[in-house]
Amino acid sequence: MQPRNMSMSGVVDLAAVKAAGEAKTKAEQARAEAARQGGPAAVPPSALVIDVDEAGFERDVLQRSAEVPVVLDFWAEWCEPCKQLGPLLERLAVEYNGRFLLAKIDVDANQMLMQQFGIQGIPAVFAVVAGQALPLFQGAVPEAQIRETLDQLIQVGEERFGLTGIAVDADAEGPEGGADRTARPAGPYDALLEAAMSALDAGDLVGAVQAYKNVLADDPAHPEAKLGLAQAELLARVQDLDPAAVRKAAADGPADVTAQIAAADLDLVGGHVQDAFGRLVETVRRTAGEDRDAARLRLLELFEVIGADDPRVTAARQALARVLF
């Protein structure tokens, strides 16, 4: 099983933000005006990734969604998985060359938007197409699945709404612009990390795990490799699980540690971070010996997936300490 991919047919109620039809009409009028003036100007690649807040949501997202699908990346500075997903989405926005626009929303600074989209955990990714919001995915998702989701999104935009994207002029980038917001000097482990990402793209989770372990063999504290390994191992554990069977076993057997651990893995992959942590803390509380150690160690592994700076990890660590001591 791959991480849960939310239905492309779902629609979030944006009435509290702005009427979608009204925004679409305004955008179409703007496009018509631009056409009368010779057509819309091409944008540089760096303009394909924008930061959006509540004040600019109608202009930057709802109106723009009448000409190009707008992908919303809800993130926060303290969210470790966001630090991997964000740069990946930015790279894909440039690679897709105007077929979609990436709008990044800091949830700490835009709590109202977070509430209106009903977001329970981050990273969370939505899209807005012609004023309609579509949930795409939440939690740890490999690049191959993200590409598949984006392809579906672009197809929906073209077939249902006639959205053909925006023109991009790579030569329009100024010397200070730079399309790659994540550019950095090549590091000593870049080849191994790239091999891990390539393995994930190919669905080779065993290969990805080994590639991350190769980095950690030389640099046990390497943050990107530690996070990547934790995520790849999690995906490897859940890929062959039957979610319905696992959840039934966990519901029927609260004392079944194996079932609770498997259900916690599914919770986390689905973006239900606090549910996963709470399930394992409760399992630790009610067990002893090897069973308690198994649940505690899995909880520590899931902490690595989310990142030590996440406040949900801090809260879960405190809850774990209370039941242990």
C-alpha atoms as a PDB file:
ATOM      1  CA  MET A   1       0.000   0.000   0.000  1.00  0.00           C
ATOM      2  CA  GLN A   2       1.196   3.499  -0.807  1.00  0.00           C
ATOM      3  CA  PRO A   3       0.468   6.488   1.465  1.00  0.00           C
ATOM      4  CA  ARG A   4      -3.137   7.583   1.353  1.00  0.00           C
ATOM      5  CA  ASN A   5      -3.882   9.748  -1.662  1.00  0.00           C
ATOM      6  CA  MET A   6      -7.005  11.801  -1.063  1.00  0.00           C
ATOM      7  CA  SER A   7      -9.780  11.756  -3.619  1.00  0.00           C
ATOM      8  CA  MET A   8      -9.374  14.105  -6.543  1.00  0.00           C
ATOM      9  CA  SER A   9     -13.147  14.527  -6.597  1.00  0.00           C
ATOM     10  CA  GLY A  10     -13.533  16.054  -3.138  1.00  0.00           C
ATOM     11  CA  VAL A  11     -14.346  19.746  -2.886  1.00  0.00           C
ATOM     12  CA  VAL A  12     -13.558  21.930   0.124  1.00  0.00           C
ATOM     13  CA  ASP A  13     -16.066  24.667   0.946  1.00  0.00           C
ATOM     14  CA  LEU A  14     -14.290  27.949   0.229  1.00  0.00           C
ATOM     15  CA  ALA A  15     -17.321  30.133   0.854  1.00  0.00           C
ATOM     16  CA  ALA A  16     -15.708  31.504   3.973  1.00  0.00           C
ATOM     17  CA  VAL A  17     -12.716  32.600   1.916  1.00  0.00           C
ATOM     18  CA  LYS A  18     -14.406  33.910  -1.232  1.00  0.00           C
ATOM     19  CA  ALA A  19     -17.014  32.689  -3.670  1.00  0.00           C
ATOM     20  CA  ALA A  20     -15.205  30.493  -6.180  1.00  0.00           C
ATOM     21  CA  GLY A  21     -17.448  31.442  -9.062  1.00  0.00           C
ATOM     22  CA  GLU A  22     -16.906  35.119  -8.409  1.00  0.00           C
ATOM     23  CA  ALA A  23     -13.141  34.658  -8.386  1.00  0.00           C
ATOM     24  CA  LYS A  24     -13.255  32.649 -11.607  1.00  0.00           C
ATOM     25  CA  THR A  25     -15.289  35.376 -13.327  1.00  0.00           C
ATOM     26  CA  LYS A  26     -12.805  38.041 -12.283  1.00  0.00           C
ATOM     27  CA  ALA A  27      -9.889  35.964 -13.519  1.00  0.00           C
ATOM     28  CA  GLU A  28     -11.572  35.296 -16.856  1.00  0.00           C
ATOM     29  CA  GLN A  29     -12.173  39.018 -17.264  1.00  0.00           C
ATOM     30  CA  ALA A  30      -8.517  39.648 -16.505  1.00  0.00           C
ATOM     31  CA  ARG A  31      -7.480  37.056 -19.082  1.00  0.00           C
ATOM     32  CA  ALA A  32      -9.748  38.583 -21.682  1.00  0.00           C
ATOM     33  CA  GLU A  33      -8.242  42.004 -20.996  1.00  0.00           C
ATOM     34  CA  ALA A  34      -4.729  40.568 -21.255  1.00  0.00           C
ATOM     35  CA  ALA A  35      -5.644  38.938 -24.572  1.00  0.00           C
ATOM     36  CA  ARG A  36      -6.865  42.264 -25.934  1.00  0.00           C
ATOM     37  CA  GLN A  37      -3.498  43.718 -25.015  1.00  0.00           C
ATOM     38  CA  GLY A  38      -1.561  41.041 -26.848  1.00  0.00           C
ATOM     39  CA  GLY A  39      -1.766  38.114 -24.478  1.00  0.00           C
ATOM     40  CA  PRO A  40      -0.330  37.438 -21.045  1.00  0.00           C
ATOM     41  CA  ALA A  41       3.380  37.943 -20.624  1.00  0.00           C
ATOM     42  CA  ALA A  42       5.578  34.929 -19.974  1.00  0.00           C
ATOM     43  CA  VAL A  43       6.894  34.627 -16.427  1.00  0.00           C
ATOM     44  CA  PRO A  44      10.357  33.591 -15.241  1.00  0.00           C
ATOM     45  CA  PRO A  45      10.669  30.128 -13.639  1.00  0.00           C
ATOM     46  CA  SER A  46      11.067  31.685 -10.184  1.00  0.00           C
ATOM     47  CA  ALA A  47       7.514  33.074 -10.458  1.00  0.00           C
ATOM     48  CA  LEU A  48       6.131  29.520 -10.479  1.00  0.00           C
ATOM     49  CA  VAL A  49       6.645  29.312  -6.701  1.00  0.00           C
ATOM     50  CA  ILE A  50       4.980  31.973  -4.564  1.00  0.00           C
ATOM     51  CA  ASP A  51       4.352  32.624  -0.886  1.00  0.00           C
ATOM     52  CA  VAL A  52       0.680  33.260  -0.131  1.00  0.00           C
ATOM     53  CA  ASP A  53      -1.086  34.684   2.921  1.00  0.00           C
ATOM     54  CA  GLU A  54      -4.715  35.228   3.846  1.00  0.00           C
ATOM     55  CA  ALA A  55      -4.783  38.769   2.483  1.00  0.00           C
ATOM     56  CA  GLY A  56      -3.582  37.723  -0.957  1.00  0.00           C
ATOM     57  CA  PHE A  57      -5.424  34.404  -1.197  1.00  0.00           C
ATOM     58  CA  GLU A  58      -8.179  35.621  -3.523  1.00  0.00           C
ATOM     59  CA  ARG A  59      -5.783  37.351  -5.907  1.00  0.00           C
ATOM     60  CA  ASP A  60      -2.906  34.863  -5.854  1.00  0.00           C
ATOM     61  CA  VAL A  61      -4.862  31.605  -5.630  1.00  0.00           C
ATOM     62  CA  LEU A  62      -8.561  31.880  -6.487  1.00  0.00           C
ATOM     63  CA  GLN A  63      -8.158  34.232  -9.433  1.00  0.00           C
ATOM     64  CA  ARG A  64      -5.015  32.530 -10.732  1.00  0.00           C
ATOM     65  CA  SER A  65      -6.778  29.151 -10.540  1.00  0.00           C
ATOM     66  CA  ALA A  66      -8.920  30.161 -13.522  1.00  0.00           C
ATOM     67  CA  GLU A  67      -5.817  30.068 -15.746  1.00  0.00           C
ATOM     68  CA  VAL A  68      -3.619  27.414 -14.106  1.00  0.00           C
ATOM     69  CA  PRO A  69      -4.038  24.782 -11.363  1.00  0.00           C
ATOM     70  CA  VAL A  70      -2.636  26.185  -8.117  1.00  0.00           C
ATOM     71  CA  VAL A  71      -1.053  23.651  -5.756  1.00  0.00           C
ATOM     72  CA  LEU A  72      -1.131  24.675  -2.092  1.00  0.00           C
ATOM     73  CA  ASP A  73       1.695  23.506   0.167  1.00  0.00           C
ATOM     74  CA  PHE A  74       0.729  23.974   3.823  1.00  0.00           C
ATOM     75  CA  TRP A  75       3.942  23.944   5.855  1.00  0.00           C
ATOM     76  CA  ALA A  76       5.634  25.268   8.992  1.00  0.00           C
ATOM     77  CA  GLU A  77       9.235  25.977   9.945  1.00  0.00           C
ATOM     78  CA  TRP A  78       9.167  23.379  12.742  1.00  0.00           C
ATOM     79  CA  CYS A  79       7.843  20.589  10.490  1.00  0.00           C
ATOM     80  CA  GLU A  80      10.732  18.317   9.474  1.00  0.00           C
ATOM     81  CA  PRO A  81       8.848  16.413   6.703  1.00  0.00           C
ATOM     82  CA  CYS A  82       7.894  19.816   5.247  1.00  0.00           C
ATOM     83  CA  LYS A  83      11.591  20.564   4.804  1.00  0.00           C
ATOM     84  CA  GLN A  84      11.876  17.608   2.438  1.00  0.00           C
ATOM     85  CA  LEU A  85       8.536  17.934   0.675  1.00  0.00           C
ATOM     86  CA  GLY A  86       8.735  21.707   0.098  1.00  0.00           C
ATOM     87  CA  PRO A  87      11.955  21.718  -1.974  1.00  0.00           C
ATOM     88  CA  LEU A  88      10.689  18.708  -3.936  1.00  0.00           C
ATOM     89  CA  LEU A  89       7.455  20.509  -4.862  1.00  0.00           C
ATOM     90  CA  GLU A  90       9.424  23.624  -5.794  1.00  0.00           C
ATOM     91  CA  ARG A  91      11.660  21.599  -8.093  1.00  0.00           C
ATOM     92  CA  LEU A  92       8.651  19.935  -9.720  1.00  0.00           C
ATOM     93  CA  ALA A  93       6.922  23.301 -10.220  1.00  0.00           C
ATOM     94  CA  VAL A  94       9.884  24.452 -12.299  1.00  0.00           C
ATOM     95  CA  GLU A  95      10.169  21.111 -14.096  1.00  0.00           C
ATOM     96  CA  TYR A  96       6.471  21.135 -15.064  1.00  0.00           C
ATOM     97  CA  ASN A  97       7.149  24.497 -16.703  1.00  0.00           C
ATOM     98  CA  GLY A  98       3.946  26.402 -15.980  1.00  0.00           C
ATOM     99  CA  ARG A  99       1.495  23.489 -15.956  1.00  0.00           C
ATOM    100  CA  PHE A 100       0.797  24.326 -12.306  1.00  0.00           C
ATOM    101  CA  LEU A 101       1.611  27.128  -9.874  1.00  0.00           C
ATOM    102  CA  LEU A 102       2.935  26.295  -6.392  1.00  0.00           C
ATOM    103  CA  ALA A 103       1.621  28.461  -3.535  1.00  0.00           C
ATOM    104  CA  LYS A 104       3.331  27.981  -0.167  1.00  0.00           C
ATOM    105  CA  ILE A 105       1.285  28.752   2.959  1.00  0.00           C
ATOM    106  CA  ASP A 106       2.905  29.007   6.387  1.00  0.00           C
ATOM    107  CA  VAL A 107       0.241  27.615   8.730  1.00  0.00           C
ATOM    108  CA  ASP A 108       1.639  29.421  11.768  1.00  0.00           C
ATOM    109  CA  ALA A 109       1.055  32.774  10.063  1.00  0.00           C
ATOM    110  CA  ASN A 110      -2.217  31.787   8.362  1.00  0.00           C
ATOM    111  CA  GLN A 111      -4.296  29.895  10.927  1.00  0.00           C
ATOM    112  CA  MET A 112      -7.586  30.918   9.300  1.00  0.00           C
ATOM    113  CA  LEU A 113      -6.670  29.266   5.997  1.00  0.00           C
ATOM    114  CA  MET A 114      -5.550  26.156   7.837  1.00  0.00           C
ATOM    115  CA  GLN A 115      -8.920  25.951   9.592  1.00  0.00           C
ATOM    116  CA  GLN A 116     -10.921  26.628   6.452  1.00  0.00           C
ATOM    117  CA  PHE A 117      -9.208  23.757   4.659  1.00  0.00           C
ATOM    118  CA  GLY A 118      -9.789  21.484   7.656  1.00  0.00           C
ATOM    119  CA  ILE A 119      -6.115  20.579   7.977  1.00  0.00           C
ATOM    120  CA  GLN A 120      -5.316  18.274  10.887  1.00  0.00           C
ATOM    121  CA  GLY A 121      -1.612  17.756  10.185  1.00  0.00           C
ATOM    122  CA  ILE A 122       1.178  18.930   7.914  1.00  0.00           C
ATOM    123  CA  PRO A 123       2.610  18.686   5.392  1.00  0.00           C
ATOM    124  CA  ALA A 124      -0.742  18.871   3.615  1.00  0.00           C
ATOM    125  CA  VAL A 125      -1.132  19.553  -0.097  1.00  0.00           C
ATOM    126  CA  PHE A 126      -4.270  20.783  -1.841  1.00  0.00           C
ATOM    127  CA  ALA A 127      -4.985  22.210  -5.274  1.00  0.00           C
ATOM    128  CA  VAL A 128      -7.397  24.895  -6.433  1.00  0.00           C
ATOM    129  CA  VAL A 129      -8.730  24.535  -9.973  1.00  0.00           C
ATOM    130  CA  ALA A 130     -11.180  27.123 -11.311  1.00  0.00           C
ATOM    131  CA  GLY A 131     -12.011  28.087  -7.749  1.00  0.00           C
ATOM    132  CA  GLN A 132     -12.587  24.520  -6.545  1.00  0.00           C
ATOM    133  CA  ALA A 133     -10.282  23.058  -3.883  1.00  0.00           C
ATOM    134  CA  LEU A 134      -9.157  19.464  -4.243  1.00  0.00           C
ATOM    135  CA  PRO A 135      -7.291  17.575  -1.491  1.00  0.00           C
ATOM    136  CA  LEU A 136      -4.223  15.899  -2.991  1.00  0.00           C
ATOM    137  CA  PHE A 137      -2.202  14.205  -0.254  1.00  0.00           C
ATOM    138  CA  GLN A 138      -1.036  14.513   3.320  1.00  0.00           C
ATOM    139  CA  GLY A 139       1.991  13.173   5.127  1.00  0.00           C
ATOM    140  CA  ALA A 140       4.983  11.255   3.768  1.00  0.00           C
ATOM    141  CA  VAL A 141       4.592  10.650   0.014  1.00  0.00           C
ATOM    142  CA  PRO A 142       7.296   9.505  -2.445  1.00  0.00           C
ATOM    143  CA  GLU A 143       8.106  11.586  -5.515  1.00  0.00           C
ATOM    144  CA  ALA A 144       6.699   9.029  -7.949  1.00  0.00           C
ATOM    145  CA  GLN A 145       3.253   9.275  -6.351  1.00  0.00           C
ATOM    146  CA  ILE A 146       3.445  13.067  -6.252  1.00  0.00           C
ATOM    147  CA  ARG A 147       4.161  13.126  -9.981  1.00  0.00           C
ATOM    148  CA  GLU A 148       1.218  10.827 -10.651  1.00  0.00           C
ATOM    149  CA  THR A 149      -1.074  13.084  -8.599  1.00  0.00           C
ATOM    150  CA  LEU A 150       0.150  16.214 -10.394  1.00  0.00           C
ATOM    151  CA  ASP A 151      -0.429  14.558 -13.775  1.00  0.00           C
ATOM    152  CA  GLN A 152      -4.013  13.760 -12.743  1.00  0.00           C
ATOM    153  CA  LEU A 153      -4.503  17.314 -11.535  1.00  0.00           C
ATOM    154  CA  ILE A 154      -3.263  18.811 -14.792  1.00  0.00           C
ATOM    155  CA  GLN A 155      -5.510  16.474 -16.757  1.00  0.00           C
ATOM    156  CA  VAL A 156      -8.540  17.543 -14.696  1.00  0.00           C
ATOM    157  CA  GLY A 157      -7.662  21.187 -15.277  1.00  0.00           C
ATOM    158  CA  GLU A 158      -7.366  20.712 -19.024  1.00  0.00           C
ATOM    159  CA  GLU A 159     -10.350  18.450 -19.621  1.00  0.00           C
ATOM    160  CA  ARG A 160     -12.905  20.045 -17.286  1.00  0.00           C
ATOM    161  CA  PHE A 161     -11.874  23.678 -17.271  1.00  0.00           C
ATOM    162  CA  GLY A 162      -9.680  24.218 -20.324  1.00  0.00           C
ATOM    163  CA  LEU A 163      -6.695  25.324 -18.240  1.00  0.00           C
ATOM    164  CA  THR A 164      -3.532  25.181 -20.312  1.00  0.00           C
ATOM    165  CA  GLY A 165      -1.138  26.694 -17.785  1.00  0.00           C
ATOM    166  CA  ILE A 166       0.998  29.797 -17.962  1.00  0.00           C
ATOM    167  CA  ALA A 167       3.806  30.668 -20.349  1.00  0.00           C
ATOM    168  CA  VAL A 168       7.322  30.486 -18.928  1.00  0.00           C
ATOM    169  CA  ASP A 169      10.398  32.240 -20.254  1.00  0.00           C
ATOM    170  CA  ALA A 170      13.549  30.643 -18.838  1.00  0.00           C
ATOM    171  CA  ASP A 171      15.656  33.494 -20.242  1.00  0.00           C
ATOM    172  CA  ALA A 172      13.623  36.064 -18.300  1.00  0.00           C
ATOM    173  CA  GLU A 173      15.246  35.081 -15.020  1.00  0.00           C
ATOM    174  CA  GLY A 174      17.375  37.928 -13.725  1.00  0.00           C
ATOM    175  CA  PRO A 175      20.828  37.407 -12.277  1.00  0.00           C
ATOM    176  CA  GLU A 176      19.379  37.540  -8.769  1.00  0.00           C
ATOM    177  CA  GLY A 177      16.274  35.526  -9.586  1.00  0.00           C
ATOM    178  CA  GLY A 178      17.241  31.917  -9.991  1.00  0.00           C
ATOM    179  CA  ALA A 179      14.516  29.365 -10.489  1.00  0.00           C
ATOM    180  CA  ASP A 180      15.964  27.021  -7.893  1.00  0.00           C
ATOM    181  CA  ARG A 181      15.078  28.393  -4.467  1.00  0.00           C
ATOM    182  CA  THR A 182      16.856  25.432  -2.885  1.00  0.00           C
ATOM    183  CA  ALA A 183      20.200  25.720  -4.676  1.00  0.00           C
ATOM    184  CA  ARG A 184      23.151  24.792  -2.470  1.00  0.00           C
ATOM    185  CA  PRO A 185      26.725  23.611  -2.933  1.00  0.00           C
ATOM    186  CA  ALA A 186      27.123  19.942  -3.746  1.00  0.00           C
ATOM    187  CA  GLY A 187      27.777  17.932  -0.597  1.00  0.00           C
ATOM    188  CA  PRO A 188      29.831  14.778  -0.098  1.00  0.00           C
ATOM    189  CA  TYR A 189      26.749  12.546   0.051  1.00  0.00           C
ATOM    190  CA  ASP A 190      24.695  14.072  -2.763  1.00  0.00           C
ATOM    191  CA  ALA A 191      25.204  11.060  -5.041  1.00  0.00           C
ATOM    192  CA  LEU A 192      24.020   8.639  -2.369  1.00  0.00           C
ATOM    193  CA  LEU A 193      21.034  10.808  -1.490  1.00  0.00           C
ATOM    194  CA  GLU A 194      20.141  11.080  -5.172  1.00  0.00           C
ATOM    195  CA  ALA A 195      20.386   7.291  -5.437  1.00  0.00           C
ATOM    196  CA  ALA A 196      17.949   7.009  -2.533  1.00  0.00           C
ATOM    197  CA  MET A 197      15.473   9.384  -4.222  1.00  0.00           C
ATOM    198  CA  SER A 198      15.810   7.492  -7.512  1.00  0.00           C
ATOM    199  CA  ALA A 199      15.089   4.234  -5.705  1.00  0.00           C
ATOM    200  CA  LEU A 200      11.988   5.778  -4.117  1.00  0.00           C
ATOM    201  CA  ASP A 201      10.822   6.981  -7.531  1.00  0.00           C
ATOM    202  CA  ALA A 202      11.187   3.441  -8.857  1.00  0.00           C
ATOM    203  CA  GLY A 203       9.308   1.975  -5.902  1.00  0.00           C
ATOM    204  CA  ASP A 204      12.470   0.268  -4.687  1.00  0.00           C
ATOM    205  CA  LEU A 205      12.072   0.881  -0.966  1.00  0.00           C
ATOM    206  CA  VAL A 206      14.743  -1.678  -0.066  1.00  0.00           C
ATOM    207  CA  GLY A 207      17.230   0.154  -2.274  1.00  0.00           C
ATOM    208  CA  ALA A 208      16.254   3.514  -0.800  1.00  0.00           C
ATOM    209  CA  VAL A 209      16.708   2.219   2.744  1.00  0.00           C
ATOM    210  CA  GLN A 210      20.162   0.880   1.865  1.00  0.00           C
ATOM    211  CA  ALA A 211      21.217   4.133   0.186  1.00  0.00           C
ATOM    212  CA  TYR A 212      20.281   6.146   3.274  1.00  0.00           C
ATOM    213  CA  LYS A 213      22.087   3.629   5.471  1.00  0.00           C
ATOM    214  CA  ASN A 214      25.189   4.056   3.331  1.00  0.00           C
ATOM    215  CA  VAL A 215      25.200   7.763   4.160  1.00  0.00           C
ATOM    216  CA  LEU A 216      24.605   7.149   7.856  1.00  0.00           C
ATOM    217  CA  ALA A 217      27.421   4.598   7.979  1.00  0.00           C
ATOM    218  CA  ASP A 218      29.855   7.491   7.401  1.00  0.00           C
ATOM    219  CA  ASP A 219      27.840  10.269   9.048  1.00  0.00           C
ATOM    220  CA  PRO A 220      25.446   8.841  11.685  1.00  0.00           C
ATOM    221  CA  ALA A 221      24.015  12.292  12.453  1.00  0.00           C
ATOM    222  CA  HIS A 222      23.296  13.333   8.842  1.00  0.00           C
ATOM    223  CA  PRO A 223      19.813  14.940   9.214  1.00  0.00           C
ATOM    224  CA  GLU A 224      18.526  14.390   5.680  1.00  0.00           C
ATOM    225  CA  ALA A 225      19.619  10.750   5.645  1.00  0.00           C
ATOM    226  CA  LYS A 226      18.120  10.101   9.091  1.00  0.00           C
ATOM    227  CA  LEU A 227      14.795  11.565   8.036  1.00  0.00           C
ATOM    228  CA  GLY A 228      14.874   9.806   4.664  1.00  0.00           C
ATOM    229  CA  LEU A 229      15.668   6.455   6.249  1.00  0.00           C
ATOM    230  CA  ALA A 230      12.858   6.774   8.776  1.00  0.00           C
ATOM    231  CA  GLN A 231      10.372   7.647   6.022  1.00  0.00           C
ATOM    232  CA  ALA A 232      11.575   4.912   3.655  1.00  0.00           C
ATOM    233  CA  GLU A 233      11.408   2.276   6.399  1.00  0.00           C
ATOM    234  CA  LEU A 234       7.904   3.410   7.285  1.00  0.00           C
ATOM    235  CA  LEU A 235       6.756   3.153   3.670  1.00  0.00           C
ATOM    236  CA  ALA A 236       8.375  -0.285   3.372  1.00  0.00           C
ATOM    237  CA  ARG A 237       6.493  -1.490   6.439  1.00  0.00           C
ATOM    238  CA  VAL A 238       3.060  -0.396   5.231  1.00  0.00           C
ATOM    239  CA  GLN A 239       3.273  -1.128   1.502  1.00  0.00           C
ATOM    240  CA  ASP A 240       1.879  -4.676   1.792  1.00  0.00           C
ATOM    241  CA  LEU A 241      -0.549  -4.090   4.653  1.00  0.00           C
ATOM    242  CA  ASP A 242      -4.312  -4.459   4.278  1.00  0.00           C
ATOM    243  CA  PRO A 243      -5.526  -1.282   6.041  1.00  0.00           C
ATOM    244  CA  ALA A 244      -8.997  -2.622   6.785  1.00  0.00           C
ATOM    245  CA  ALA A 245      -7.627  -5.832   8.277  1.00  0.00           C
ATOM    246  CA  VAL A 246      -5.013  -4.002  10.331  1.00  0.00           C
ATOM    247  CA  ARG A 247      -7.496  -1.534  11.757  1.00  0.00           C
ATOM    248  CA  LYS A 248      -9.989  -4.280  12.581  1.00  0.00           C
ATOM    249  CA  ALA A 249      -7.296  -6.262  14.386  1.00  0.00           C
ATOM    250  CA  ALA A 250      -6.288  -3.159  16.347  1.00  0.00           C
ATOM    251  CA  ALA A 251      -9.908  -2.376  17.268  1.00  0.00           C
ATOM    252  CA  ASP A 252     -10.657  -5.974  18.251  1.00  0.00           C
ATOM    253  CA  GLY A 253      -7.424  -6.429  20.214  1.00  0.00           C
ATOM    254  CA  PRO A 254      -6.371  -3.401  22.249  1.00  0.00           C
ATOM    255  CA  ALA A 255      -3.737  -5.609  23.890  1.00  0.00           C
ATOM    256  CA  ASP A 256      -2.407  -6.899  20.543  1.00  0.00           C
ATOM    257  CA  VAL A 257       0.864  -4.965  20.369  1.00  0.00           C
ATOM    258  CA  THR A 258       1.675  -6.067  16.826  1.00  0.00           C
ATOM    259  CA  ALA A 259      -1.708  -4.830  15.599  1.00  0.00           C
ATOM    260  CA  GLN A 260      -1.379  -1.526  17.451  1.00  0.00           C
ATOM    261  CA  ILE A 261       2.089  -0.914  16.014  1.00  0.00           C
ATOM    262  CA  ALA A 262       0.899  -1.650  12.475  1.00  0.00           C
ATOM    263  CA  ALA A 263      -2.124   0.623  12.927  1.00  0.00           C
ATOM    264  CA  ALA A 264       0.131   3.404  14.212  1.00  0.00           C
ATOM    265  CA  ASP A 265       2.254   3.122  11.059  1.00  0.00           C
ATOM    266  CA  LEU A 266      -0.881   3.501   8.942  1.00  0.00           C
ATOM    267  CA  ASP A 267      -2.012   6.446  11.060  1.00  0.00           C
ATOM    268  CA  LEU A 268       1.265   8.262  10.446  1.00  0.00           C
ATOM    269  CA  VAL A 269       1.379   7.558   6.709  1.00  0.00           C
ATOM    270  CA  GLY A 270      -2.151   8.923   6.486  1.00  0.00           C
ATOM    271  CA  GLY A 271      -1.069  12.146   8.183  1.00  0.00           C
ATOM    272  CA  HIS A 272      -2.782  11.364  11.509  1.00  0.00           C
ATOM    273  CA  VAL A 273       0.301  12.078  13.574  1.00  0.00           C
ATOM    274  CA  GLN A 274      -1.308  12.563  16.966  1.00  0.00           C
ATOM    275  CA  ASP A 275      -3.436   9.435  16.530  1.00  0.00           C
ATOM    276  CA  ALA A 276      -0.306   7.387  15.822  1.00  0.00           C
ATOM    277  CA  PHE A 277       1.548   8.800  18.808  1.00  0.00           C
ATOM    278  CA  GLY A 278      -1.420   8.477  21.132  1.00  0.00           C
ATOM    279  CA  ARG A 279      -2.023   4.867  20.108  1.00  0.00           C
ATOM    280  CA  LEU A 280       1.561   3.866  20.911  1.00  0.00           C
ATOM    281  CA  VAL A 281       1.749   5.832  24.161  1.00  0.00           C
ATOM    282  CA  GLU A 282      -1.408   4.035  25.301  1.00  0.00           C
ATOM    283  CA  THR A 283       0.079   0.692  24.204  1.00  0.00           C
ATOM    284  CA  VAL A 284       3.207   1.389  26.254  1.00  0.00           C
ATOM    285  CA  ARG A 285       1.030   2.291  29.237  1.00  0.00           C
ATOM    286  CA  ARG A 286      -0.914  -0.953  29.233  1.00  0.00           C
ATOM    287  CA  THR A 287       1.944  -3.390  28.454  1.00  0.00           C
ATOM    288  CA  ALA A 288       5.164  -4.607  30.051  1.00  0.00           C
ATOM    289  CA  GLY A 289       8.396  -6.367  29.153  1.00  0.00           C
ATOM    290  CA  GLU A 290       9.160  -7.037  25.501  1.00  0.00           C
ATOM    291  CA  ASP A 291       5.762  -5.807  24.350  1.00  0.00           C
ATOM    292  CA  ARG A 292       6.321  -2.460  26.043  1.00  0.00           C
ATOM    293  CA  ASP A 293       9.803  -2.173  24.540  1.00  0.00           C
ATOM    294  CA  ALA A 294       8.469  -2.945  21.048  1.00  0.00           C
ATOM    295  CA  ALA A 295       5.813  -0.220  21.259  1.00  0.00           C
ATOM    296  CA  ARG A 296       8.253   2.287  22.779  1.00  0.00           C
ATOM    297  CA  LEU A 297      10.900   1.681  20.119  1.00  0.00           C
ATOM    298  CA  ARG A 298       8.382   2.034  17.291  1.00  0.00           C
ATOM    299  CA  LEU A 299       7.194   5.316  18.799  1.00  0.00           C
ATOM    300  CA  LEU A 300      10.784   6.584  18.846  1.00  0.00           C
ATOM    301  CA  GLU A 301      11.139   5.564  15.180  1.00  0.00           C
ATOM    302  CA  LEU A 302       8.012   7.521  14.285  1.00  0.00           C
ATOM    303  CA  PHE A 303       9.417  10.542  16.102  1.00  0.00           C
ATOM    304  CA  GLU A 304      12.287  10.438  13.575  1.00  0.00           C
ATOM    305  CA  VAL A 305       9.801  10.577  10.692  1.00  0.00           C
ATOM    306  CA  ILE A 306       8.201  13.767  12.008  1.00  0.00           C
ATOM    307  CA  GLY A 307      11.282  15.457  13.467  1.00  0.00           C
ATOM    308  CA  ALA A 308      12.382  16.365  16.972  1.00  0.00           C
ATOM    309  CA  ASP A 309      11.355  20.025  16.635  1.00  0.00           C
ATOM    310  CA  ASP A 310       7.708  19.247  15.927  1.00  0.00           C
ATOM    311  CA  PRO A 311       5.576  20.226  18.955  1.00  0.00           C
ATOM    312  CA  ARG A 312       3.559  17.022  18.534  1.00  0.00           C
ATOM    313  CA  VAL A 313       6.752  15.041  19.093  1.00  0.00           C
ATOM    314  CA  THR A 314       7.549  17.113  22.175  1.00  0.00           C
ATOM    315  CA  ALA A 315       4.073  16.474  23.584  1.00  0.00           C
ATOM    316  CA  ALA A 316       4.275  12.756  22.826  1.00  0.00           C
ATOM    317  CA  ARG A 317       7.704  12.498  24.470  1.00  0.00           C
ATOM    318  CA  GLN A 318       6.261  14.055  27.604  1.00  0.00           C
ATOM    319  CA  ALA A 319       3.291  11.649  27.519  1.00  0.00           C
ATOM    320  CA  LEU A 320       5.666   8.718  27.036  1.00  0.00           C
ATOM    321  CA  ALA A 321       7.759   9.825  30.017  1.00  0.00           C
ATOM    322  CA  ARG A 322       4.631   9.995  32.176  1.00  0.00           C
ATOM    323  CA  VAL A 323       3.584   6.412  31.412  1.00  0.00           C
ATOM    324  CA  LEU A 324       7.126   5.073  31.743  1.00  0.00           C
ATOM    325  CA  PHE A 325       8.005   6.784  34.984  1.00  0.00           C
END
